[in-house]
């Protein structure tokens, strides 16, 4: 539902991850905590 709403709002590249954030992490994909992300800005 969120992905559809974003597409309806005009975002061109929207994806849906069936397993959610937990699945993303479980697959070993990159995750950056807020403090690290903010320090890189």
Protein backbone atom coordinates (compact mmCIF):
# COMPACT_ATOMS: atom_id res chain seq x y z
CA UNK A 1 0.00 0.00 0.00
CA UNK A 2 2.83 2.41 0.83
CA UNK A 3 4.62 1.63 -2.43
CA UNK A 4 1.44 2.34 -4.39
CA UNK A 5 0.93 5.63 -2.54
CA UNK A 6 4.47 6.72 -3.36
CA UNK A 7 4.00 5.81 -7.03
CA UNK A 8 0.70 7.70 -7.08
CA UNK A 9 2.58 10.71 -5.68
CA UNK A 10 4.93 10.60 -8.64
CA UNK A 11 8.05 8.87 -7.36
CA UNK A 12 9.45 7.02 -10.38
CA UNK A 13 11.41 4.23 -8.64
CA UNK A 14 9.52 2.49 -5.85
CA UNK A 15 10.10 -1.06 -4.64
CA UNK A 16 8.31 -3.40 -2.28
CA UNK A 17 10.33 -5.83 -0.16
CA UNK A 18 8.16 -8.79 0.75
CA UNK A 19 10.23 -9.74 3.80
CA UNK A 20 10.52 -6.13 4.98
CA UNK A 21 13.46 -4.54 6.76
CA UNK A 22 14.19 -7.71 8.73
CA UNK A 23 14.57 -9.65 5.50
CA UNK A 24 16.84 -6.94 4.09
CA UNK A 25 19.13 -7.24 7.13
CA UNK A 26 18.94 -11.05 7.16
CA UNK A 27 20.15 -11.12 3.56
CA UNK A 28 23.23 -9.13 4.59
CA UNK A 29 22.29 -6.05 2.60
CA UNK A 30 23.71 -2.69 3.69
CA UNK A 31 22.19 -0.86 6.65
CA UNK A 32 23.54 2.44 7.96
CA UNK A 33 22.46 3.81 11.34
CA UNK A 34 21.31 7.42 11.56
CA UNK A 35 24.42 8.74 13.34
CA UNK A 36 26.71 7.30 10.65
CA UNK A 37 24.46 8.57 7.86
CA UNK A 38 24.28 12.03 9.39
CA UNK A 39 28.07 12.19 9.89
CA UNK A 40 28.55 11.50 6.17
CA UNK A 41 26.40 14.50 5.16
